């Protein structure tokens, strides 16, 4: 039983994609100045830290907004002031 040309082409493309994915890190390591790679790693690390801080700020802002909404929802009605009682005559 032979595979159809379309299945064979798909399998070939999948195999090439796996090879390229596996060779990518090896090529990056062998084809550059170590300082360049270190600089790139530092930039990626910094970007990751910035994203983490931004995510934490967004989370904190969302928590604050939710707390404000809860406070508004359960805020007691303001009283009309002290009741005035007329003296007895």
N, C-alpha and C. Protein backbone atom coordinates (compact mmCIF):
# COMPACT_ATOMS: atom_id res chain seq x y z
N UNK A 1 0.85 -1.17 0.00
CA UNK A 1 0.00 0.00 0.00
C UNK A 1 0.90 1.24 0.00
N UNK A 2 0.69 2.12 -0.94
CA UNK A 2 1.52 3.33 -1.05
C UNK A 2 0.73 4.53 -0.56
N UNK A 3 1.46 5.48 0.00
CA UNK A 3 0.83 6.71 0.49
C UNK A 3 0.59 7.64 -0.68
N UNK A 4 -0.45 8.42 -0.57
CA UNK A 4 -0.76 9.37 -1.64
C UNK A 4 0.31 10.46 -1.66
N UNK A 5 0.48 11.11 -2.82
CA UNK A 5 1.50 12.17 -2.91
C UNK A 5 1.26 13.29 -1.90
N UNK A 6 0.00 13.57 -1.61
CA UNK A 6 -0.31 14.65 -0.67
C UNK A 6 0.16 14.30 0.73
N UNK A 7 -0.08 13.05 1.17
CA UNK A 7 0.35 12.62 2.50
C UNK A 7 1.87 12.60 2.58
N UNK A 8 2.53 12.13 1.50
CA UNK A 8 3.99 12.10 1.47
C UNK A 8 4.56 13.51 1.58
N UNK A 9 3.97 14.45 0.86
CA UNK A 9 4.43 15.83 0.92
C UNK A 9 4.25 16.41 2.31
N UNK A 10 3.12 16.13 2.93
CA UNK A 10 2.85 16.62 4.29
C UNK A 10 3.86 16.04 5.26
N UNK A 11 4.14 14.75 5.13
CA UNK A 11 5.12 14.11 6.03
C UNK A 11 6.50 14.70 5.82
N UNK A 12 6.86 14.94 4.57
CA UNK A 12 8.17 15.51 4.27
C UNK A 12 8.29 16.91 4.86
N UNK A 13 7.24 17.72 4.72
CA UNK A 13 7.26 19.07 5.28
C UNK A 13 7.34 19.02 6.81
N UNK A 14 6.63 18.09 7.41
CA UNK A 14 6.67 17.96 8.87
C UNK A 14 8.06 17.56 9.33
N UNK A 15 8.70 16.64 8.60
CA UNK A 15 10.06 16.22 8.96
C UNK A 15 11.04 17.37 8.81
N UNK A 16 10.90 18.14 7.74
CA UNK A 16 11.79 19.30 7.55
C UNK A 16 11.58 20.34 8.65
N UNK A 17 10.34 20.53 9.05
CA UNK A 17 10.06 21.49 10.12
C UNK A 17 10.71 21.04 11.42
N UNK A 18 10.64 19.75 11.71
CA UNK A 18 11.27 19.23 12.93
C UNK A 18 12.79 19.39 12.87
N UNK A 19 13.37 19.12 11.71
CA UNK A 19 14.81 19.30 11.55
C UNK A 19 15.20 20.76 11.75
N UNK A 20 14.44 21.66 11.16
CA UNK A 20 14.75 23.08 11.28
C UNK A 20 14.61 23.54 12.73
N UNK A 21 13.60 23.04 13.41
CA UNK A 21 13.39 23.43 14.81
C UNK A 21 14.54 22.92 15.68
N UNK A 22 14.98 21.73 15.41
CA UNK A 22 16.08 21.17 16.18
C UNK A 22 17.41 21.82 15.85
N UNK A 23 17.60 22.22 14.61
CA UNK A 23 18.86 22.81 14.20
C UNK A 23 18.95 24.29 14.56
N UNK A 24 17.81 24.92 14.78
CA UNK A 24 17.80 26.35 15.07
C UNK A 24 18.69 26.74 16.23
N UNK A 25 18.52 26.15 17.42
CA UNK A 25 19.38 26.52 18.55
C UNK A 25 20.85 26.20 18.28
N UNK A 26 21.13 25.06 17.61
CA UNK A 26 22.52 24.71 17.33
C UNK A 26 23.15 25.73 16.39
N UNK A 27 22.41 26.16 15.38
CA UNK A 27 22.94 27.16 14.46
C UNK A 27 23.17 28.49 15.17
N UNK A 28 22.26 28.85 16.04
CA UNK A 28 22.40 30.12 16.76
C UNK A 28 23.63 30.10 17.65
N UNK A 29 23.92 28.95 18.24
CA UNK A 29 25.06 28.87 19.14
C UNK A 29 26.38 28.87 18.37
N UNK A 30 26.39 28.26 17.22
CA UNK A 30 27.65 28.13 16.51
C UNK A 30 27.93 29.30 15.58
N UNK A 31 26.94 30.12 15.32
CA UNK A 31 27.13 31.13 14.28
C UNK A 31 27.21 32.54 14.82
N UNK A 32 27.77 32.72 15.98
CA UNK A 32 27.79 34.08 16.45
C UNK A 32 28.82 34.30 17.52
N UNK A 33 29.01 35.54 17.78
CA UNK A 33 29.89 35.97 18.83
C UNK A 33 29.21 35.67 20.16
N UNK A 34 29.92 35.08 21.10
CA UNK A 34 29.29 34.79 22.41
C UNK A 34 28.76 36.05 23.09
N UNK A 35 29.45 37.17 22.87
CA UNK A 35 28.97 38.41 23.48
C UNK A 35 27.61 38.80 22.90
N UNK A 36 27.45 38.57 21.59
CA UNK A 36 26.17 38.89 20.95
C UNK A 36 25.06 38.03 21.53
N UNK A 37 25.37 36.75 21.72
CA UNK A 37 24.37 35.85 22.30
C UNK A 37 24.05 36.23 23.74
N UNK A 38 25.08 36.61 24.49
CA UNK A 38 24.85 37.05 25.87
C UNK A 38 23.99 38.30 25.90
N UNK A 39 24.27 39.23 25.00
CA UNK A 39 23.48 40.47 24.94
C UNK A 39 22.03 40.15 24.59
N UNK A 40 21.85 39.22 23.65
CA UNK A 40 20.49 38.85 23.27
C UNK A 40 19.76 38.20 24.45
N UNK A 41 20.46 37.33 25.18
CA UNK A 41 19.85 36.70 26.34
C UNK A 41 19.49 37.74 27.40
N UNK A 42 20.35 38.72 27.59
CA UNK A 42 20.05 39.77 28.57
C UNK A 42 18.83 40.59 28.15
N UNK A 43 18.73 40.90 26.84
CA UNK A 43 17.56 41.65 26.36
C UNK A 43 16.28 40.83 26.55
N UNK A 44 16.36 39.55 26.23
CA UNK A 44 15.18 38.70 26.41
C UNK A 44 14.79 38.60 27.88
N UNK A 45 15.78 38.50 28.74
CA UNK A 45 15.51 38.44 30.17
C UNK A 45 14.87 39.74 30.66
N UNK A 46 15.39 40.86 30.19
CA UNK A 46 14.82 42.15 30.57
C UNK A 46 13.39 42.28 30.08
N UNK A 47 13.15 41.87 28.83
CA UNK A 47 11.78 41.93 28.30
C UNK A 47 10.85 41.05 29.11
N UNK A 48 11.33 39.90 29.51
CA UNK A 48 10.50 39.00 30.31
C UNK A 48 10.17 39.63 31.67
N UNK A 49 11.17 40.26 32.27
CA UNK A 49 10.92 40.93 33.56
C UNK A 49 9.92 42.06 33.40
N UNK A 50 10.04 42.82 32.33
CA UNK A 50 9.11 43.94 32.09
C UNK A 50 7.70 43.40 31.91
N UNK A 51 7.55 42.31 31.14
CA UNK A 51 6.22 41.72 30.95
C UNK A 51 5.66 41.23 32.28
N UNK A 52 6.51 40.66 33.12
CA UNK A 52 6.05 40.20 34.43
C UNK A 52 5.56 41.35 35.28
N UNK A 53 6.28 42.46 35.26
CA UNK A 53 5.88 43.64 36.03
C UNK A 53 4.57 44.20 35.48
N UNK A 54 4.46 44.27 34.15
CA UNK A 54 3.23 44.79 33.55
C UNK A 54 2.05 43.90 33.90
N UNK A 55 2.25 42.59 33.87
CA UNK A 55 1.16 41.68 34.23
C UNK A 55 0.76 41.85 35.68
N UNK A 56 1.74 42.03 36.57
CA UNK A 56 1.43 42.23 37.99
C UNK A 56 0.67 43.54 38.19
N UNK A 57 1.07 44.59 37.48
CA UNK A 57 0.37 45.87 37.60
C UNK A 57 -1.06 45.75 37.09
N UNK A 58 -1.24 45.05 35.99
CA UNK A 58 -2.59 44.86 35.44
C UNK A 58 -3.45 44.08 36.43
N UNK A 59 -2.87 43.05 37.03
CA UNK A 59 -3.60 42.26 38.02
C UNK A 59 -3.99 43.13 39.22
N UNK A 60 -3.02 43.92 39.72
CA UNK A 60 -3.31 44.79 40.86
C UNK A 60 -4.41 45.80 40.52
N UNK A 61 -4.33 46.39 39.33
CA UNK A 61 -5.36 47.35 38.91
C UNK A 61 -6.74 46.68 38.84
N UNK A 62 -6.78 45.49 38.32
CA UNK A 62 -8.06 44.77 38.23
C UNK A 62 -8.60 44.47 39.62
N UNK A 63 -7.72 44.06 40.53
CA UNK A 63 -8.15 43.78 41.90
C UNK A 63 -8.70 45.04 42.56
N UNK A 64 -8.01 46.16 42.36
CA UNK A 64 -8.47 47.43 42.95
C UNK A 64 -9.83 47.83 42.38
N UNK A 65 -10.01 47.70 41.06
CA UNK A 65 -11.30 48.04 40.46
C UNK A 65 -12.40 47.15 41.01
N UNK A 66 -12.11 45.86 41.15
CA UNK A 66 -13.12 44.95 41.67
C UNK A 66 -13.48 45.29 43.12
N UNK A 67 -12.46 45.66 43.92
CA UNK A 67 -12.73 46.03 45.30
C UNK A 67 -13.57 47.30 45.37
N UNK A 68 -13.29 48.25 44.51
CA UNK A 68 -14.08 49.49 44.47
C UNK A 68 -15.53 49.17 44.10
N UNK A 69 -15.72 48.29 43.13
CA UNK A 69 -17.08 47.92 42.73
C UNK A 69 -17.81 47.22 43.88
N UNK A 70 -17.10 46.35 44.60
CA UNK A 70 -17.74 45.70 45.77
C UNK A 70 -18.12 46.72 46.82
N UNK A 71 -17.22 47.66 47.07
CA UNK A 71 -17.50 48.69 48.08
C UNK A 71 -18.72 49.52 47.68
N UNK A 72 -18.82 49.85 46.39
CA UNK A 72 -19.98 50.62 45.92
C UNK A 72 -21.26 49.80 46.06
N UNK A 73 -21.17 48.53 45.77
CA UNK A 73 -22.35 47.67 45.81
C UNK A 73 -22.89 47.51 47.23
N UNK A 74 -21.99 47.38 48.18
CA UNK A 74 -22.42 47.11 49.55
C UNK A 74 -22.30 48.33 50.47
N UNK A 75 -22.21 49.51 49.89
CA UNK A 75 -22.12 50.71 50.70
C UNK A 75 -23.47 50.96 51.37
N UNK A 76 -23.49 51.22 52.67
CA UNK A 76 -24.77 51.49 53.34
C UNK A 76 -25.36 52.82 52.88
N UNK A 77 -26.65 52.88 52.92
CA UNK A 77 -27.34 54.12 52.53
C UNK A 77 -27.01 55.20 53.55
N UNK A 78 -26.80 56.41 53.09
CA UNK A 78 -26.51 57.49 54.04
C UNK A 78 -27.76 57.79 54.88
N UNK A 79 -27.52 58.08 56.12
CA UNK A 79 -28.65 58.39 56.99
C UNK A 79 -29.09 59.83 56.73
N UNK A 80 -30.33 60.12 57.05
CA UNK A 80 -30.88 61.45 56.81
C UNK A 80 -30.47 62.42 57.91
N UNK A 81 -29.70 61.98 58.84
CA UNK A 81 -29.28 62.84 59.93
C UNK A 81 -30.01 62.42 61.21
N UNK A 82 -29.72 63.09 62.27
CA UNK A 82 -30.40 62.73 63.53
C UNK A 82 -31.88 63.06 63.46
N UNK A 83 -32.63 62.18 64.04
CA UNK A 83 -34.09 62.39 64.05
C UNK A 83 -34.39 63.54 65.02
N UNK A 84 -35.25 64.44 64.58
CA UNK A 84 -35.64 65.56 65.42
C UNK A 84 -36.93 65.18 66.12
N UNK A 85 -36.85 65.20 67.42
CA UNK A 85 -38.04 64.86 68.21
C UNK A 85 -38.55 66.15 68.86
N UNK A 86 -39.79 66.44 68.56
CA UNK A 86 -40.38 67.66 69.13
C UNK A 86 -40.63 67.44 70.62
N UNK A 87 -40.36 68.45 71.42
CA UNK A 87 -40.60 68.31 72.87
C UNK A 87 -42.12 68.21 73.15
N UNK A 88 -42.44 67.53 74.17
CA UNK A 88 -43.84 67.37 74.58
C UNK A 88 -44.33 68.67 75.15
N UNK A 89 -45.56 68.98 74.94
CA UNK A 89 -46.16 70.20 75.50
C UNK A 89 -47.11 69.88 76.56
